[in-house]
C-alpha atoms as a PDB file:
ATOM      1  CA  GLY A   1      49.619 189.807 181.169  1.00  0.00           C
ATOM      2  CA  ASN A   2      47.928 186.662 180.049  1.00  0.00           C
ATOM      3  CA  ILE A   3      51.071 184.682 179.139  1.00  0.00           C
ATOM      4  CA  LYS A   4      51.560 181.895 181.673  1.00  0.00           C
ATOM      5  CA  GLU A   5      54.526 180.257 179.962  1.00  0.00           C
ATOM      6  CA  PHE A   6      56.717 180.851 176.921  1.00  0.00           C
ATOM      7  CA  LYS A   7      59.227 178.299 175.723  1.00  0.00           C
ATOM      8  CA  LYS A   8      61.131 177.342 172.609  1.00  0.00           C
ATOM      9  CA  PRO A   9      61.232 173.541 172.421  1.00  0.00           C
ATOM     10  CA  LYS A  10      63.349 171.983 169.702  1.00  0.00           C
ATOM     11  CA  ASP A  11      61.700 169.915 166.975  1.00  0.00           C
ATOM     12  CA  GLY A  12      64.029 167.365 165.395  1.00  0.00           C
ATOM     13  CA  LYS A  13      61.565 166.128 162.757  1.00  0.00           C
ATOM     14  CA  THR A  14      63.094 168.312 160.059  1.00  0.00           C
ATOM     15  CA  VAL A  15      66.779 167.578 160.774  1.00  0.00           C
ATOM     16  CA  LEU A  16      68.801 166.507 157.728  1.00  0.00           C
ATOM     17  CA  ASN A  17      72.518 165.810 157.780  1.00  0.00           C
ATOM     18  CA  GLU A  18      73.066 163.800 154.604  1.00  0.00           C
ATOM     19  CA  VAL A  19      71.530 164.689 151.238  1.00  0.00           C
ATOM     20  CA  TYR A  20      71.766 162.823 147.943  1.00  0.00           C
ATOM     21  CA  VAL A  21      71.280 165.492 145.291  1.00  0.00           C
ATOM     22  CA  ARG A  22      70.180 164.020 141.967  1.00  0.00           C
ATOM     23  CA  GLY A  23      70.767 166.129 138.893  1.00  0.00           C
ATOM     24  CA  ASN A  24      70.214 165.735 135.167  1.00  0.00           C
ATOM     25  CA  GLY A  25      70.282 162.277 133.609  1.00  0.00           C
ATOM     26  CA  SER A  26      69.050 158.823 134.550  1.00  0.00           C
ATOM     27  CA  GLY A  27      70.439 155.456 135.625  1.00  0.00           C
ATOM     28  CA  ILE A  28      74.218 155.257 135.608  1.00  0.00           C
ATOM     29  CA  ASN A  29      74.357 158.534 133.657  1.00  0.00           C
ATOM     30  CA  GLN A  30      72.600 160.539 136.368  1.00  0.00           C
ATOM     31  CA  ASN A  31      74.702 163.145 138.153  1.00  0.00           C
ATOM     32  CA  VAL A  32      74.449 162.474 141.926  1.00  0.00           C
ATOM     33  CA  GLN A  33      76.284 164.422 144.621  1.00  0.00           C
ATOM     34  CA  ILE A  34      76.357 163.429 148.298  1.00  0.00           C
ATOM     35  CA  CYS A  35      76.541 166.190 150.908  1.00  0.00           C
ATOM     36  CA  ARG A  36      76.838 165.563 154.653  1.00  0.00           C
ATOM     37  CA  ASP A  37      77.617 167.231 157.962  1.00  0.00           C
ATOM     38  CA  SER A  38      79.621 164.904 160.243  1.00  0.00           C
ATOM     39  CA  ASN A  39      79.050 166.957 163.413  1.00  0.00           C
ATOM     40  CA  SER A  40      75.284 166.847 162.914  1.00  0.00           C
ATOM     41  CA  ILE A  41      75.437 163.093 162.272  1.00  0.00           C
ATOM     42  CA  GLN A  42      77.313 162.622 165.563  1.00  0.00           C
ATOM     43  CA  SER A  43      74.790 164.744 167.457  1.00  0.00           C
ATOM     44  CA  TYR A  44      71.501 163.652 165.856  1.00  0.00           C
ATOM     45  CA  PHE A  45      72.383 160.367 164.116  1.00  0.00           C
ATOM     46  CA  LEU A  46      72.053 159.870 160.377  1.00  0.00           C
ATOM     47  CA  ARG A  47      69.062 161.629 158.792  1.00  0.00           C
ATOM     48  CA  GLN A  48      68.956 161.406 155.022  1.00  0.00           C
ATOM     49  CA  GLU A  49      66.971 162.775 152.126  1.00  0.00           C
ATOM     50  CA  VAL A  50      67.059 162.565 148.347  1.00  0.00           C
ATOM     51  CA  GLN A  51      66.791 165.957 146.666  1.00  0.00           C
ATOM     52  CA  GLN A  52      65.706 166.058 143.009  1.00  0.00           C
ATOM     53  CA  GLU A  53      67.226 168.777 140.812  1.00  0.00           C
ATOM     54  CA  ALA A  54      66.557 167.296 137.351  1.00  0.00           C
ATOM     55  CA  ASP A  55      67.272 170.535 135.495  1.00  0.00           C
ATOM     56  CA  VAL A  56      70.809 170.909 136.952  1.00  0.00           C
ATOM     57  CA  THR A  57      73.744 169.474 134.977  1.00  0.00           C
ATOM     58  CA  ASP A  58      76.677 171.052 136.893  1.00  0.00           C
ATOM     59  CA  SER A  59      78.103 168.988 139.791  1.00  0.00           C
ATOM     60  CA  THR A  60      79.272 172.137 141.598  1.00  0.00           C
ATOM     61  CA  VAL A  61      75.751 173.575 141.552  1.00  0.00           C
ATOM     62  CA  LEU A  62      74.307 170.279 142.867  1.00  0.00           C
ATOM     63  CA  THR A  63      76.867 170.277 145.698  1.00  0.00           C
ATOM     64  CA  SER A  64      76.027 173.896 146.545  1.00  0.00           C
ATOM     65  CA  LEU A  65      72.299 173.115 146.656  1.00  0.00           C
ATOM     66  CA  GLY A  66      72.884 170.093 148.901  1.00  0.00           C
ATOM     67  CA  ASN A  67      75.211 171.997 151.238  1.00  0.00           C
ATOM     68  CA  GLU A  68      72.662 174.797 151.583  1.00  0.00           C
ATOM     69  CA  THR A  69      69.899 172.309 152.444  1.00  0.00           C
ATOM     70  CA  ILE A  70      72.120 170.813 155.141  1.00  0.00           C
ATOM     71  CA  ARG A  71      73.171 174.232 156.460  1.00  0.00           C
ATOM     72  CA  VAL A  72      69.518 175.132 157.043  1.00  0.00           C
ATOM     73  CA  LYS A  73      68.377 171.749 158.414  1.00  0.00           C
ATOM     74  CA  LYS A  74      71.377 170.264 160.269  1.00  0.00           C
ATOM     75  CA  VAL A  75      70.103 171.246 163.734  1.00  0.00           C
ATOM     76  CA  PRO A  76      66.613 170.969 165.276  1.00  0.00           C
ATOM     77  CA  MET A  77      64.314 173.884 164.655  1.00  0.00           C
ATOM     78  CA  GLU A  78      63.045 175.920 167.612  1.00  0.00           C
ATOM     79  CA  ILE A  79      59.253 176.167 167.634  1.00  0.00           C
ATOM     80  CA  PRO A  80      58.058 178.884 170.013  1.00  0.00           C
ATOM     81  CA  GLU A  81      55.172 177.780 172.186  1.00  0.00           C
ATOM     82  CA  MET A  82      53.078 179.976 174.446  1.00  0.00           C
ATOM     83  CA  VAL A  83      50.581 178.989 177.135  1.00  0.00           C
ATOM     84  CA  ILE A  84      47.990 181.668 177.856  1.00  0.00           C
ATOM     85  CA  ASP A  85      45.218 182.117 180.385  1.00  0.00           C
ATOM     86  CA  GLY A  86      41.835 181.499 178.791  1.00  0.00           C
ATOM     87  CA  LYS A  87      40.122 184.014 181.102  1.00  0.00           C
ATOM     88  CA  SER A  88      42.263 186.976 180.006  1.00  0.00           C
ATOM     89  CA  ASN A  89      42.017 189.071 176.869  1.00  0.00           C
ATOM     90  CA  PRO A  90      42.192 188.425 174.021  1.00  0.00           C
ATOM     91  CA  GLN A  91      39.400 185.899 174.448  1.00  0.00           C
ATOM     92  CA  PHE A  92      39.687 182.462 172.869  1.00  0.00           C
ATOM     93  CA  GLY A  93      37.963 182.583 169.489  1.00  0.00           C
ATOM     94  CA  SER A  94      39.085 186.115 168.656  1.00  0.00           C
ATOM     95  CA  TYR A  95      42.225 184.723 166.996  1.00  0.00           C
ATOM     96  CA  GLY A  96      42.881 181.728 164.807  1.00  0.00           C
ATOM     97  CA  ILE A  97      45.464 179.708 162.926  1.00  0.00           C
ATOM     98  CA  GLY A  98      47.392 181.928 160.509  1.00  0.00           C
ATOM     99  CA  ASP A  99      46.834 185.135 162.485  1.00  0.00           C
ATOM    100  CA  LEU A 100      49.809 187.374 163.242  1.00  0.00           C
ATOM    101  CA  ILE A 101      50.193 188.330 166.882  1.00  0.00           C
ATOM    102  CA  GLN A 102      52.536 190.706 168.686  1.00  0.00           C
ATOM    103  CA  VAL A 103      54.066 189.134 171.811  1.00  0.00           C
ATOM    104  CA  GLN A 104      55.714 191.282 174.497  1.00  0.00           C
ATOM    105  CA  ILE A 105      57.662 189.416 177.191  1.00  0.00           C
ATOM    106  CA  ASN A 106      58.976 191.430 180.133  1.00  0.00           C
ATOM    107  CA  PRO A 107      61.085 190.648 183.235  1.00  0.00           C
ATOM    108  CA  PRO A 108      61.218 188.462 185.294  1.00  0.00           C
ATOM    109  CA  ALA A 109      61.309 186.156 182.232  1.00  0.00           C
ATOM    110  CA  PRO A 110      64.782 184.944 181.211  1.00  0.00           C
ATOM    111  CA  VAL A 111      66.683 187.591 179.232  1.00  0.00           C
ATOM    112  CA  LEU A 112      66.759 185.422 176.086  1.00  0.00           C
ATOM    113  CA  LEU A 113      62.951 185.358 175.983  1.00  0.00           C
ATOM    114  CA  GLN A 114      62.404 189.051 176.764  1.00  0.00           C
ATOM    115  CA  GLY A 115      61.393 191.482 174.059  1.00  0.00           C
ATOM    116  CA  SER A 116      58.691 192.129 171.516  1.00  0.00           C
ATOM    117  CA  ASN A 117      58.286 189.882 168.475  1.00  0.00           C
ATOM    118  CA  GLN A 118      55.646 189.143 165.892  1.00  0.00           C
ATOM    119  CA  TYR A 119      54.589 185.499 165.459  1.00  0.00           C
ATOM    120  CA  ARG A 120      52.162 183.542 163.292  1.00  0.00           C
ATOM    121  CA  ILE A 121      49.823 181.101 165.052  1.00  0.00           C
ATOM    122  CA  GLU A 122      50.451 177.611 163.625  1.00  0.00           C
ATOM    123  CA  GLN A 123      48.457 175.455 166.049  1.00  0.00           C
ATOM    124  CA  ILE A 124      45.985 175.974 168.902  1.00  0.00           C
ATOM    125  CA  ASP A 125      45.421 173.427 171.674  1.00  0.00           C
ATOM    126  CA  VAL A 126      42.800 174.035 174.365  1.00  0.00           C
ATOM    127  CA  THR A 127      42.638 172.087 177.613  1.00  0.00           C
ATOM    128  CA  ILE A 128      39.883 172.462 180.214  1.00  0.00           C
ATOM    129  CA  THR A 129      41.069 171.592 183.712  1.00  0.00           C
ATOM    130  CA  ASP A 130      38.931 169.852 186.336  1.00  0.00           C
ATOM    131  CA  ASP A 131      38.159 173.244 187.901  1.00  0.00           C
ATOM    132  CA  ASP A 132      36.959 174.716 184.557  1.00  0.00           C
ATOM    133  CA  GLN A 133      40.131 176.668 183.761  1.00  0.00           C
ATOM    134  CA  GLU A 134      40.939 177.120 180.066  1.00  0.00           C
ATOM    135  CA  ILE A 135      44.597 176.532 179.249  1.00  0.00           C
ATOM    136  CA  ILE A 136      45.393 177.578 175.691  1.00  0.00           C
ATOM    137  CA  THR A 137      48.669 176.531 174.067  1.00  0.00           C
ATOM    138  CA  LEU A 138      49.711 178.291 170.867  1.00  0.00           C
ATOM    139  CA  ALA A 139      52.431 176.852 168.615  1.00  0.00           C
ATOM    140  CA  LEU A 140      54.041 179.773 166.810  1.00  0.00           C
ATOM    141  CA  SER A 141      56.399 180.565 163.983  1.00  0.00           C
ATOM    142  CA  ILE A 142      58.333 183.771 163.467  1.00  0.00           C
ATOM    143  CA  ALA A 143      56.373 186.011 161.110  1.00  0.00           C
END
């Protein structure tokens, strides 16, 4: 096929492990709950965010919202990335950002990468080598 390389690098830009969830009220009367994940803080250092939930008055609900945010964002996100040969089909220009593509990866690729999945193209980078080879890198998200 035309896939030269497929990898899943981790992107730590979105990691959160401490969230201040602000609820209803203002000043000293504002309901604020602090949620954190100590293991994530040890692994990725402190990464904080303030989450506004002005319509919520219940402390338990604020804590639940904060804990869910941390559950989803406490580890780096994997962003699939694929390098394809620019001379093979589909030709560059026949697909674009936002398109859904079906990717089939067969042996001898590592078992964890093998299989068929649908991805959305999030970014396209094209490099032309000194010998006029097109190297196309697609940043993907699971569709």
